[in-house]
Amino acid sequence: MKQGVLTHGRVRLLRTGERKRKSVRGCIVYANLSVLNLVIVKKGEKDISGVTDTTVPRRLGPKRASRIRKLSSLRASTSKSESSQK
């Protein structure tokens, strides 16, 4: 496998039953891939339609009480009567 070019060869051998994953090691991607897992690090001047112009809502909310309060912009209560915990 060449640096920057994704080809058929494997870098690491797979165990039996392990799924095949490919990592992109540069800017050139081989044509036989069907899916790419990427993370957008920096947004450019123009929007990419369907990628950077839409916002996806959170799928799961927080579990910790302090983070729930932070998300809903509540303050921590000090008295027992104001507390929602029992």
N, C-alpha and C. Protein backbone atom coordinates (compact mmCIF):
# COMPACT_ATOMS: atom_id res chain seq x y z
N MET A 1 0.84 -1.18 0.00
CA MET A 1 0.00 0.00 0.00
C MET A 1 0.88 1.24 0.00
N LYS A 2 0.61 2.14 -0.91
CA LYS A 2 1.42 3.34 -1.03
C LYS A 2 0.85 4.44 -0.14
N GLN A 3 1.70 5.35 0.26
CA GLN A 3 1.28 6.48 1.07
C GLN A 3 0.42 7.41 0.24
N GLY A 4 -0.78 7.73 0.72
CA GLY A 4 -1.65 8.65 0.02
C GLY A 4 -2.56 8.02 -1.00
N VAL A 5 -2.36 6.74 -1.34
CA VAL A 5 -3.20 6.07 -2.33
C VAL A 5 -3.78 4.81 -1.69
N LEU A 6 -5.10 4.68 -1.71
CA LEU A 6 -5.75 3.54 -1.09
C LEU A 6 -5.97 2.46 -2.14
N THR A 7 -5.38 1.29 -1.94
CA THR A 7 -5.46 0.21 -2.92
C THR A 7 -6.03 -1.04 -2.28
N HIS A 8 -5.99 -2.16 -3.01
CA HIS A 8 -6.59 -3.40 -2.55
C HIS A 8 -5.84 -4.04 -1.39
N GLY A 9 -4.54 -3.86 -1.27
CA GLY A 9 -3.73 -4.58 -0.29
C GLY A 9 -4.08 -4.24 1.14
N ARG A 10 -3.77 -5.18 2.06
CA ARG A 10 -4.05 -4.98 3.49
C ARG A 10 -2.77 -4.59 4.21
N VAL A 11 -2.89 -3.68 5.17
CA VAL A 11 -1.77 -3.32 6.03
C VAL A 11 -1.71 -4.30 7.19
N ARG A 12 -2.86 -4.59 7.78
CA ARG A 12 -2.94 -5.45 8.96
C ARG A 12 -3.82 -6.65 8.62
N LEU A 13 -3.39 -7.85 8.97
CA LEU A 13 -4.17 -9.04 8.69
C LEU A 13 -5.39 -9.10 9.60
N LEU A 14 -6.48 -9.68 9.11
CA LEU A 14 -7.72 -9.77 9.87
C LEU A 14 -7.83 -11.11 10.56
N ARG A 15 -8.44 -11.11 11.75
CA ARG A 15 -8.79 -12.36 12.40
C ARG A 15 -10.04 -12.90 11.74
N THR A 16 -10.38 -14.15 12.02
CA THR A 16 -11.57 -14.73 11.41
C THR A 16 -12.81 -14.04 11.97
N GLY A 17 -13.68 -13.58 11.09
CA GLY A 17 -14.90 -12.90 11.49
C GLY A 17 -14.75 -11.41 11.70
N GLU A 18 -13.55 -10.88 11.67
CA GLU A 18 -13.34 -9.45 11.88
C GLU A 18 -13.70 -8.69 10.61
N ARG A 19 -14.34 -7.54 10.78
CA ARG A 19 -14.77 -6.76 9.62
C ARG A 19 -13.60 -6.02 9.00
N LYS A 20 -13.68 -5.84 7.70
CA LYS A 20 -12.62 -5.18 6.95
C LYS A 20 -12.85 -3.67 6.97
N ARG A 21 -11.88 -2.93 7.47
CA ARG A 21 -11.97 -1.48 7.51
C ARG A 21 -10.76 -0.90 6.80
N LYS A 22 -10.98 0.18 6.12
CA LYS A 22 -9.89 0.85 5.41
C LYS A 22 -9.74 2.26 5.96
N SER A 23 -8.52 2.68 6.15
CA SER A 23 -8.29 4.04 6.59
C SER A 23 -7.69 4.85 5.44
N VAL A 24 -8.12 6.10 5.35
CA VAL A 24 -7.62 6.99 4.31
C VAL A 24 -6.32 7.59 4.79
N ARG A 25 -5.27 7.44 4.01
CA ARG A 25 -3.95 7.92 4.42
C ARG A 25 -3.48 9.09 3.57
N GLY A 26 -4.37 9.82 3.02
CA GLY A 26 -3.98 10.95 2.19
C GLY A 26 -5.18 11.52 1.50
N CYS A 27 -4.96 12.19 0.40
CA CYS A 27 -6.05 12.85 -0.28
C CYS A 27 -6.62 12.02 -1.43
N ILE A 28 -5.91 10.99 -1.89
CA ILE A 28 -6.38 10.18 -3.02
C ILE A 28 -7.03 8.92 -2.49
N VAL A 29 -8.27 8.65 -2.91
CA VAL A 29 -9.02 7.48 -2.46
C VAL A 29 -9.29 6.61 -3.67
N TYR A 30 -9.12 5.29 -3.51
CA TYR A 30 -9.30 4.36 -4.61
C TYR A 30 -10.78 4.24 -4.96
N ALA A 31 -11.10 3.89 -6.19
CA ALA A 31 -12.48 3.91 -6.69
C ALA A 31 -13.32 2.73 -6.23
N ASN A 32 -12.72 1.67 -5.65
CA ASN A 32 -13.50 0.50 -5.28
C ASN A 32 -14.15 0.61 -3.91
N LEU A 33 -14.07 1.75 -3.24
CA LEU A 33 -14.72 1.94 -1.94
C LEU A 33 -16.16 2.38 -2.13
N SER A 34 -17.04 1.89 -1.25
CA SER A 34 -18.44 2.30 -1.33
C SER A 34 -18.80 3.30 -0.24
N VAL A 35 -18.11 3.27 0.91
CA VAL A 35 -18.44 4.15 2.03
C VAL A 35 -17.14 4.72 2.60
N LEU A 36 -17.18 5.99 2.97
CA LEU A 36 -16.06 6.63 3.67
C LEU A 36 -16.57 7.18 4.99
N ASN A 37 -15.87 6.90 6.09
CA ASN A 37 -16.17 7.50 7.38
C ASN A 37 -15.22 8.67 7.58
N LEU A 38 -15.76 9.87 7.58
CA LEU A 38 -14.93 11.06 7.70
C LEU A 38 -15.49 11.99 8.77
N VAL A 39 -14.63 12.81 9.32
CA VAL A 39 -15.02 13.85 10.27
C VAL A 39 -14.59 15.18 9.68
N ILE A 40 -15.52 16.14 9.62
CA ILE A 40 -15.20 17.46 9.09
C ILE A 40 -14.50 18.25 10.18
N VAL A 41 -13.26 18.63 9.93
CA VAL A 41 -12.47 19.33 10.93
C VAL A 41 -12.61 20.83 10.79
N LYS A 42 -12.56 21.33 9.55
CA LYS A 42 -12.63 22.76 9.31
C LYS A 42 -13.60 23.03 8.18
N LYS A 43 -14.48 24.01 8.37
CA LYS A 43 -15.47 24.36 7.37
C LYS A 43 -14.89 25.40 6.42
N GLY A 44 -15.09 25.20 5.13
CA GLY A 44 -14.55 26.11 4.12
C GLY A 44 -15.46 27.30 3.87
N GLU A 45 -15.16 28.03 2.81
CA GLU A 45 -15.93 29.23 2.47
C GLU A 45 -17.32 28.89 1.96
N LYS A 46 -17.43 27.86 1.11
CA LYS A 46 -18.72 27.46 0.55
C LYS A 46 -19.26 26.24 1.29
N ASP A 47 -20.60 26.13 1.32
CA ASP A 47 -21.23 24.95 1.91
C ASP A 47 -21.27 23.81 0.91
N ILE A 48 -21.17 22.59 1.42
CA ILE A 48 -21.35 21.39 0.60
C ILE A 48 -22.79 20.96 0.79
N SER A 49 -23.53 20.84 -0.31
CA SER A 49 -24.96 20.53 -0.19
C SER A 49 -25.17 19.15 0.42
N GLY A 50 -26.00 19.10 1.45
CA GLY A 50 -26.30 17.85 2.12
C GLY A 50 -25.32 17.46 3.20
N VAL A 51 -24.20 18.17 3.32
CA VAL A 51 -23.20 17.82 4.32
C VAL A 51 -23.05 18.94 5.36
N THR A 52 -22.66 20.13 4.91
CA THR A 52 -22.42 21.22 5.86
C THR A 52 -23.56 22.23 5.93
N ASP A 53 -24.56 22.13 5.06
CA ASP A 53 -25.64 23.11 5.10
C ASP A 53 -26.80 22.66 5.98
N THR A 54 -26.80 21.42 6.47
CA THR A 54 -27.87 20.94 7.34
C THR A 54 -27.31 20.63 8.72
N THR A 55 -28.15 20.80 9.75
CA THR A 55 -27.76 20.43 11.11
C THR A 55 -28.60 19.25 11.55
N VAL A 56 -27.95 18.28 12.15
CA VAL A 56 -28.62 17.06 12.61
C VAL A 56 -28.85 17.19 14.11
N PRO A 57 -30.08 16.97 14.61
CA PRO A 57 -30.32 17.07 16.05
C PRO A 57 -29.65 15.93 16.80
N ARG A 58 -29.46 16.15 18.11
CA ARG A 58 -28.85 15.11 18.93
C ARG A 58 -29.74 13.88 18.99
N ARG A 59 -29.14 12.71 18.87
CA ARG A 59 -29.90 11.48 18.92
C ARG A 59 -30.18 11.07 20.36
N LEU A 60 -29.22 11.25 21.23
CA LEU A 60 -29.35 10.88 22.64
C LEU A 60 -29.08 12.10 23.51
N GLY A 61 -29.80 12.20 24.60
CA GLY A 61 -29.59 13.29 25.54
C GLY A 61 -28.61 12.89 26.63
N PRO A 62 -28.24 13.83 27.49
CA PRO A 62 -27.30 13.52 28.57
C PRO A 62 -27.96 12.70 29.68
N LYS A 63 -27.15 11.93 30.41
CA LYS A 63 -27.65 11.13 31.53
C LYS A 63 -27.33 11.77 32.88
N ARG A 64 -26.18 12.41 32.98
CA ARG A 64 -25.76 13.00 34.24
C ARG A 64 -26.62 14.22 34.56
N ALA A 65 -26.99 14.37 35.84
CA ALA A 65 -27.90 15.43 36.26
C ALA A 65 -27.33 16.82 35.98
N SER A 66 -26.04 17.00 36.21
CA SER A 66 -25.45 18.32 35.98
C SER A 66 -25.46 18.68 34.49
N ARG A 67 -25.31 17.69 33.64
CA ARG A 67 -25.34 17.97 32.20
C ARG A 67 -26.76 18.19 31.69
N ILE A 68 -27.75 17.55 32.32
CA ILE A 68 -29.15 17.81 31.98
C ILE A 68 -29.49 19.24 32.35
N ARG A 69 -29.04 19.68 33.54
CA ARG A 69 -29.27 21.05 33.97
C ARG A 69 -28.60 22.04 33.02
N LYS A 70 -27.39 21.72 32.59
CA LYS A 70 -26.66 22.61 31.69
C LYS A 70 -27.35 22.72 30.33
N LEU A 71 -27.88 21.60 29.83
CA LEU A 71 -28.54 21.59 28.54
C LEU A 71 -29.85 22.38 28.59
N SER A 72 -30.60 22.25 29.68
CA SER A 72 -31.87 22.95 29.78
C SER A 72 -31.74 24.29 30.50
N SER A 73 -30.51 24.71 30.77
CA SER A 73 -30.16 25.98 31.42
C SER A 73 -30.92 26.19 32.73
N LEU A 74 -30.90 25.16 33.58
CA LEU A 74 -31.44 25.26 34.94
C LEU A 74 -30.29 25.47 35.90
N ARG A 75 -30.60 25.98 37.09
CA ARG A 75 -29.55 26.12 38.08
C ARG A 75 -29.72 25.04 39.14
N ALA A 76 -28.64 24.70 39.82
CA ALA A 76 -28.68 23.66 40.85
C ALA A 76 -29.40 24.21 42.07
N SER A 77 -30.38 23.47 42.57
CA SER A 77 -31.13 23.92 43.74
C SER A 77 -30.44 23.44 45.01
N THR A 78 -30.48 24.29 46.06
CA THR A 78 -29.81 23.95 47.30
C THR A 78 -30.79 23.39 48.33
N SER A 79 -32.04 23.83 48.32
CA SER A 79 -33.00 23.34 49.31
C SER A 79 -33.64 22.04 48.84
N LYS A 80 -34.11 21.24 49.82
CA LYS A 80 -34.71 19.95 49.47
C LYS A 80 -36.06 20.10 48.81
N SER A 81 -36.81 21.15 49.12
CA SER A 81 -38.15 21.31 48.54
C SER A 81 -38.08 21.64 47.05
N GLU A 82 -37.02 22.33 46.62
CA GLU A 82 -36.88 22.68 45.22
C GLU A 82 -36.31 21.53 44.39
N SER A 83 -35.69 20.57 45.06
CA SER A 83 -35.02 19.48 44.36
C SER A 83 -36.03 18.55 43.72
N SER A 84 -35.68 18.02 42.57
CA SER A 84 -36.57 17.08 41.89
C SER A 84 -36.23 15.64 42.26
N GLN A 85 -35.13 15.43 42.99
CA GLN A 85 -34.75 14.08 43.41
C GLN A 85 -35.46 13.72 44.71
N LYS A 86 -35.79 12.45 44.87
CA LYS A 86 -36.43 11.99 46.11
C LYS A 86 -35.71 10.80 46.65
